[in-house]
């Protein structure tokens, strides 16, 4: 049986293997993330595959 668990629940249960995580809640918050992200050498993004998500990913890649 497959069980669904949302990200924040998984985080609370310690299922993220010790990685840092940032939840934006909206691509409108990408600018706020840009001040923190330069401290990381690897960043995994999980965004919607729509125009806004693709634009946010493009901005993250540029900056």
PDB file of N, CA and C in Angstrom:
ATOM      1  N   UNK A   1       0.840  -1.163   0.000  1.00  0.00           N
ATOM      2  CA  UNK A   1       0.000   0.000   0.000  1.00  0.00           C
ATOM      3  C   UNK A   1       0.894   1.239   0.000  1.00  0.00           C
ATOM      4  N   UNK A   2       0.570   2.213  -0.839  1.00  0.00           N
ATOM      5  CA  UNK A   2       1.294   3.472  -0.885  1.00  0.00           C
ATOM      6  C   UNK A   2       0.601   4.468   0.032  1.00  0.00           C
ATOM      7  N   UNK A   3       1.385   5.164   0.814  1.00  0.00           N
ATOM      8  CA  UNK A   3       0.816   6.169   1.713  1.00  0.00           C
ATOM      9  C   UNK A   3       1.362   7.531   1.335  1.00  0.00           C
ATOM     10  N   UNK A   4       0.493   8.506   1.348  1.00  0.00           N
ATOM     11  CA  UNK A   4       0.893   9.874   1.060  1.00  0.00           C
ATOM     12  C   UNK A   4       1.234  10.581   2.359  1.00  0.00           C
ATOM     13  N   UNK A   5       2.310  11.340   2.344  1.00  0.00           N
ATOM     14  CA  UNK A   5       2.679  12.148   3.497  1.00  0.00           C
ATOM     15  C   UNK A   5       3.187  13.478   2.942  1.00  0.00           C
ATOM     16  N   UNK A   6       2.718  14.576   3.473  1.00  0.00           N
ATOM     17  CA  UNK A   6       3.175  15.860   2.948  1.00  0.00           C
ATOM     18  C   UNK A   6       4.563  16.182   3.481  1.00  0.00           C
ATOM     19  N   UNK A   7       5.206  17.138   2.847  1.00  0.00           N
ATOM     20  CA  UNK A   7       6.598  17.436   3.176  1.00  0.00           C
ATOM     21  C   UNK A   7       6.779  17.865   4.619  1.00  0.00           C
ATOM     22  N   UNK A   8       5.944  18.758   5.095  1.00  0.00           N
ATOM     23  CA  UNK A   8       6.136  19.244   6.462  1.00  0.00           C
ATOM     24  C   UNK A   8       5.926  18.144   7.490  1.00  0.00           C
ATOM     25  N   UNK A   9       5.011  17.226   7.225  1.00  0.00           N
ATOM     26  CA  UNK A   9       4.842  16.083   8.126  1.00  0.00           C
ATOM     27  C   UNK A   9       6.077  15.195   8.093  1.00  0.00           C
ATOM     28  N   UNK A  10       6.610  14.957   6.907  1.00  0.00           N
ATOM     29  CA  UNK A  10       7.822  14.147   6.784  1.00  0.00           C
ATOM     30  C   UNK A  10       8.991  14.815   7.500  1.00  0.00           C
ATOM     31  N   UNK A  11       9.089  16.109   7.370  1.00  0.00           N
ATOM     32  CA  UNK A  11      10.150  16.863   8.057  1.00  0.00           C
ATOM     33  C   UNK A  11      10.023  16.706   9.568  1.00  0.00           C
ATOM     34  N   UNK A  12       8.831  16.840  10.054  1.00  0.00           N
ATOM     35  CA  UNK A  12       8.572  16.733  11.500  1.00  0.00           C
ATOM     36  C   UNK A  12       8.932  15.344  12.023  1.00  0.00           C
ATOM     37  N   UNK A  13       8.723  14.334  11.194  1.00  0.00           N
ATOM     38  CA  UNK A  13       9.035  12.956  11.580  1.00  0.00           C
ATOM     39  C   UNK A  13      10.512  12.608  11.364  1.00  0.00           C
ATOM     40  N   UNK A  14      11.285  13.556  10.848  1.00  0.00           N
ATOM     41  CA  UNK A  14      12.716  13.316  10.645  1.00  0.00           C
ATOM     42  C   UNK A  14      13.033  12.472   9.431  1.00  0.00           C
ATOM     43  N   UNK A  15      12.192  12.522   8.410  1.00  0.00           N
ATOM     44  CA  UNK A  15      12.376  11.677   7.227  1.00  0.00           C
ATOM     45  C   UNK A  15      13.127  12.366   6.090  1.00  0.00           C
ATOM     46  N   UNK A  16      13.803  13.456   6.356  1.00  0.00           N
ATOM     47  CA  UNK A  16      14.496  14.160   5.272  1.00  0.00           C
ATOM     48  C   UNK A  16      16.003  13.886   5.264  1.00  0.00           C
ATOM     49  N   UNK A  17      16.468  12.899   5.968  1.00  0.00           N
ATOM     50  CA  UNK A  17      17.870  12.489   5.987  1.00  0.00           C
ATOM     51  C   UNK A  17      18.821  13.579   6.455  1.00  0.00           C
ATOM     52  N   UNK A  18      18.341  14.514   7.269  1.00  0.00           N
ATOM     53  CA  UNK A  18      19.205  15.530   7.844  1.00  0.00           C
ATOM     54  C   UNK A  18      19.526  16.713   6.953  1.00  0.00           C
ATOM     55  N   UNK A  19      18.881  16.814   5.810  1.00  0.00           N
ATOM     56  CA  UNK A  19      19.125  17.936   4.913  1.00  0.00           C
ATOM     57  C   UNK A  19      18.352  19.163   5.370  1.00  0.00           C
ATOM     58  N   UNK A  20      18.913  20.335   5.109  1.00  0.00           N
ATOM     59  CA  UNK A  20      18.182  21.572   5.351  1.00  0.00           C
ATOM     60  C   UNK A  20      17.046  21.667   4.339  1.00  0.00           C
ATOM     61  N   UNK A  21      15.989  22.361   4.708  1.00  0.00           N
ATOM     62  CA  UNK A  21      14.847  22.530   3.807  1.00  0.00           C
ATOM     63  C   UNK A  21      14.283  23.930   3.957  1.00  0.00           C
ATOM     64  N   UNK A  22      13.782  24.455   2.848  1.00  0.00           N
ATOM     65  CA  UNK A  22      13.135  25.759   2.837  1.00  0.00           C
ATOM     66  C   UNK A  22      11.834  25.608   2.061  1.00  0.00           C
ATOM     67  N   UNK A  23      10.738  25.940   2.686  1.00  0.00           N
ATOM     68  CA  UNK A  23       9.433  25.882   2.028  1.00  0.00           C
ATOM     69  C   UNK A  23       9.008  27.310   1.732  1.00  0.00           C
ATOM     70  N   UNK A  24       8.817  27.614   0.464  1.00  0.00           N
ATOM     71  CA  UNK A  24       8.482  28.979   0.061  1.00  0.00           C
ATOM     72  C   UNK A  24       6.996  29.292   0.191  1.00  0.00           C
ATOM     73  N   UNK A  25       6.143  28.297   0.033  1.00  0.00           N
ATOM     74  CA  UNK A  25       4.686  28.458   0.028  1.00  0.00           C
ATOM     75  C   UNK A  25       4.169  29.229  -1.178  1.00  0.00           C
ATOM     76  N   UNK A  26       5.034  29.930  -1.873  1.00  0.00           N
ATOM     77  CA  UNK A  26       4.654  30.667  -3.075  1.00  0.00           C
ATOM     78  C   UNK A  26       5.929  31.062  -3.802  1.00  0.00           C
ATOM     79  N   UNK A  27       5.891  31.016  -5.133  1.00  0.00           N
ATOM     80  CA  UNK A  27       7.072  31.443  -5.881  1.00  0.00           C
ATOM     81  C   UNK A  27       7.315  32.940  -5.707  1.00  0.00           C
ATOM     82  N   UNK A  28       6.350  33.653  -5.180  1.00  0.00           N
ATOM     83  CA  UNK A  28       6.528  35.077  -4.891  1.00  0.00           C
ATOM     84  C   UNK A  28       7.605  35.288  -3.826  1.00  0.00           C
ATOM     85  N   UNK A  29       7.946  34.253  -3.088  1.00  0.00           N
ATOM     86  CA  UNK A  29       8.948  34.351  -2.027  1.00  0.00           C
ATOM     87  C   UNK A  29      10.359  33.972  -2.465  1.00  0.00           C
ATOM     88  N   UNK A  30      10.560  33.747  -3.749  1.00  0.00           N
ATOM     89  CA  UNK A  30      11.888  33.361  -4.240  1.00  0.00           C
ATOM     90  C   UNK A  30      12.921  34.417  -3.877  1.00  0.00           C
ATOM     91  N   UNK A  31      12.572  35.681  -3.975  1.00  0.00           N
ATOM     92  CA  UNK A  31      13.511  36.752  -3.647  1.00  0.00           C
ATOM     93  C   UNK A  31      14.030  36.656  -2.228  1.00  0.00           C
ATOM     94  N   UNK A  32      13.176  36.267  -1.309  1.00  0.00           N
ATOM     95  CA  UNK A  32      13.600  36.099   0.085  1.00  0.00           C
ATOM     96  C   UNK A  32      14.583  34.941   0.221  1.00  0.00           C
ATOM     97  N   UNK A  33      14.381  33.902  -0.570  1.00  0.00           N
ATOM     98  CA  UNK A  33      15.258  32.733  -0.510  1.00  0.00           C
ATOM     99  C   UNK A  33      16.649  33.047  -1.046  1.00  0.00           C
ATOM    100  N   UNK A  34      16.731  33.976  -1.976  1.00  0.00           N
ATOM    101  CA  UNK A  34      18.010  34.276  -2.624  1.00  0.00           C
ATOM    102  C   UNK A  34      19.069  34.779  -1.653  1.00  0.00           C
ATOM    103  N   UNK A  35      18.667  35.307  -0.519  1.00  0.00           N
ATOM    104  CA  UNK A  35      19.653  35.778   0.460  1.00  0.00           C
ATOM    105  C   UNK A  35      20.310  34.628   1.220  1.00  0.00           C
ATOM    106  N   UNK A  36      19.642  33.492   1.270  1.00  0.00           N
ATOM    107  CA  UNK A  36      20.127  32.345   2.040  1.00  0.00           C
ATOM    108  C   UNK A  36      20.817  31.307   1.157  1.00  0.00           C
ATOM    109  N   UNK A  37      20.332  31.139  -0.054  1.00  0.00           N
ATOM    110  CA  UNK A  37      20.788  30.048  -0.917  1.00  0.00           C
ATOM    111  C   UNK A  37      22.264  30.078  -1.308  1.00  0.00           C
ATOM    112  N   UNK A  38      22.923  31.223  -1.390  1.00  0.00           N
ATOM    113  CA  UNK A  38      24.347  31.199  -1.759  1.00  0.00           C
ATOM    114  C   UNK A  38      25.233  30.398  -0.800  1.00  0.00           C
ATOM    115  N   UNK A  39      24.760  30.112   0.386  1.00  0.00           N
ATOM    116  CA  UNK A  39      25.531  29.322   1.347  1.00  0.00           C
ATOM    117  C   UNK A  39      25.562  27.837   1.003  1.00  0.00           C
ATOM    118  N   UNK A  40      24.802  27.411  -0.007  1.00  0.00           N
ATOM    119  CA  UNK A  40      24.673  25.998  -0.354  1.00  0.00           C
ATOM    120  C   UNK A  40      25.302  25.707  -1.714  1.00  0.00           C
ATOM    121  N   UNK A  41      25.995  24.600  -1.809  1.00  0.00           N
ATOM    122  CA  UNK A  41      26.598  24.212  -3.092  1.00  0.00           C
ATOM    123  C   UNK A  41      25.648  23.382  -3.945  1.00  0.00           C
ATOM    124  N   UNK A  42      24.690  22.726  -3.326  1.00  0.00           N
ATOM    125  CA  UNK A  42      23.698  21.927  -4.042  1.00  0.00           C
ATOM    126  C   UNK A  42      22.318  22.332  -3.545  1.00  0.00           C
ATOM    127  N   UNK A  43      21.426  22.608  -4.492  1.00  0.00           N
ATOM    128  CA  UNK A  43      20.062  23.013  -4.141  1.00  0.00           C
ATOM    129  C   UNK A  43      19.101  22.196  -4.985  1.00  0.00           C
ATOM    130  N   UNK A  44      18.185  21.508  -4.351  1.00  0.00           N
ATOM    131  CA  UNK A  44      17.145  20.753  -5.055  1.00  0.00           C
ATOM    132  C   UNK A  44      15.850  21.559  -4.984  1.00  0.00           C
ATOM    133  N   UNK A  45      15.254  21.792  -6.135  1.00  0.00           N
ATOM    134  CA  UNK A  45      14.016  22.582  -6.195  1.00  0.00           C
ATOM    135  C   UNK A  45      12.859  21.676  -6.592  1.00  0.00           C
ATOM    136  N   UNK A  46      11.756  21.825  -5.901  1.00  0.00           N
ATOM    137  CA  UNK A  46      10.544  21.072  -6.209  1.00  0.00           C
ATOM    138  C   UNK A  46       9.431  22.092  -6.396  1.00  0.00           C
ATOM    139  N   UNK A  47       9.272  22.521  -7.633  1.00  0.00           N
ATOM    140  CA  UNK A  47       8.319  23.561  -7.977  1.00  0.00           C
ATOM    141  C   UNK A  47       7.269  23.004  -8.921  1.00  0.00           C
ATOM    142  N   UNK A  48       6.151  23.692  -9.017  1.00  0.00           N
ATOM    143  CA  UNK A  48       5.116  23.278  -9.967  1.00  0.00           C
ATOM    144  C   UNK A  48       5.646  23.430 -11.395  1.00  0.00           C
ATOM    145  N   UNK A  49       5.188  22.547 -12.267  1.00  0.00           N
ATOM    146  CA  UNK A  49       5.580  22.597 -13.675  1.00  0.00           C
ATOM    147  C   UNK A  49       4.584  23.471 -14.437  1.00  0.00           C
ATOM    148  N   UNK A  50       4.504  24.722 -14.025  1.00  0.00           N
ATOM    149  CA  UNK A  50       3.671  25.694 -14.715  1.00  0.00           C
ATOM    150  C   UNK A  50       4.535  26.908 -15.019  1.00  0.00           C
ATOM    151  N   UNK A  51       3.963  27.927 -15.634  1.00  0.00           N
ATOM    152  CA  UNK A  51       4.747  29.088 -16.031  1.00  0.00           C
ATOM    153  C   UNK A  51       5.445  29.742 -14.832  1.00  0.00           C
ATOM    154  N   UNK A  52       4.730  29.887 -13.734  1.00  0.00           N
ATOM    155  CA  UNK A  52       5.307  30.518 -12.541  1.00  0.00           C
ATOM    156  C   UNK A  52       6.449  29.679 -11.964  1.00  0.00           C
ATOM    157  N   UNK A  53       6.271  28.384 -11.904  1.00  0.00           N
ATOM    158  CA  UNK A  53       7.320  27.504 -11.385  1.00  0.00           C
ATOM    159  C   UNK A  53       8.550  27.504 -12.270  1.00  0.00           C
ATOM    160  N   UNK A  54       8.342  27.470 -13.583  1.00  0.00           N
ATOM    161  CA  UNK A  54       9.485  27.506 -14.500  1.00  0.00           C
ATOM    162  C   UNK A  54      10.213  28.849 -14.431  1.00  0.00           C
ATOM    163  N   UNK A  55       9.470  29.938 -14.294  1.00  0.00           N
ATOM    164  CA  UNK A  55      10.091  31.262 -14.173  1.00  0.00           C
ATOM    165  C   UNK A  55      10.890  31.364 -12.873  1.00  0.00           C
ATOM    166  N   UNK A  56      10.349  30.821 -11.785  1.00  0.00           N
ATOM    167  CA  UNK A  56      11.068  30.840 -10.502  1.00  0.00           C
ATOM    168  C   UNK A  56      12.347  30.037 -10.593  1.00  0.00           C
ATOM    169  N   UNK A  57      12.290  28.882 -11.240  1.00  0.00           N
ATOM    170  CA  UNK A  57      13.499  28.065 -11.403  1.00  0.00           C
ATOM    171  C   UNK A  57      14.527  28.795 -12.260  1.00  0.00           C
ATOM    172  N   UNK A  58      14.088  29.453 -13.324  1.00  0.00           N
ATOM    173  CA  UNK A  58      15.005  30.211 -14.173  1.00  0.00           C
ATOM    174  C   UNK A  58      15.676  31.318 -13.357  1.00  0.00           C
ATOM    175  N   UNK A  59      14.923  31.993 -12.524  1.00  0.00           N
ATOM    176  CA  UNK A  59      15.495  33.055 -11.692  1.00  0.00           C
ATOM    177  C   UNK A  59      16.514  32.491 -10.707  1.00  0.00           C
ATOM    178  N   UNK A  60      16.183  31.372 -10.089  1.00  0.00           N
ATOM    179  CA  UNK A  60      17.123  30.742  -9.156  1.00  0.00           C
ATOM    180  C   UNK A  60      18.411  30.342  -9.869  1.00  0.00           C
ATOM    181  N   UNK A  61      18.287  29.814 -11.065  1.00  0.00           N
ATOM    182  CA  UNK A  61      19.483  29.419 -11.825  1.00  0.00           C
ATOM    183  C   UNK A  61      20.330  30.638 -12.196  1.00  0.00           C
ATOM    184  N   UNK A  62      19.679  31.732 -12.573  1.00  0.00           N
ATOM    185  CA  UNK A  62      20.409  32.951 -12.947  1.00  0.00           C
ATOM    186  C   UNK A  62      21.150  33.552 -11.770  1.00  0.00           C
ATOM    187  N   UNK A  63      20.501  33.590 -10.635  1.00  0.00           N
ATOM    188  CA  UNK A  63      21.047  34.320  -9.502  1.00  0.00           C
ATOM    189  C   UNK A  63      21.730  33.395  -8.524  1.00  0.00           C
TER     190      UNK A  63
END
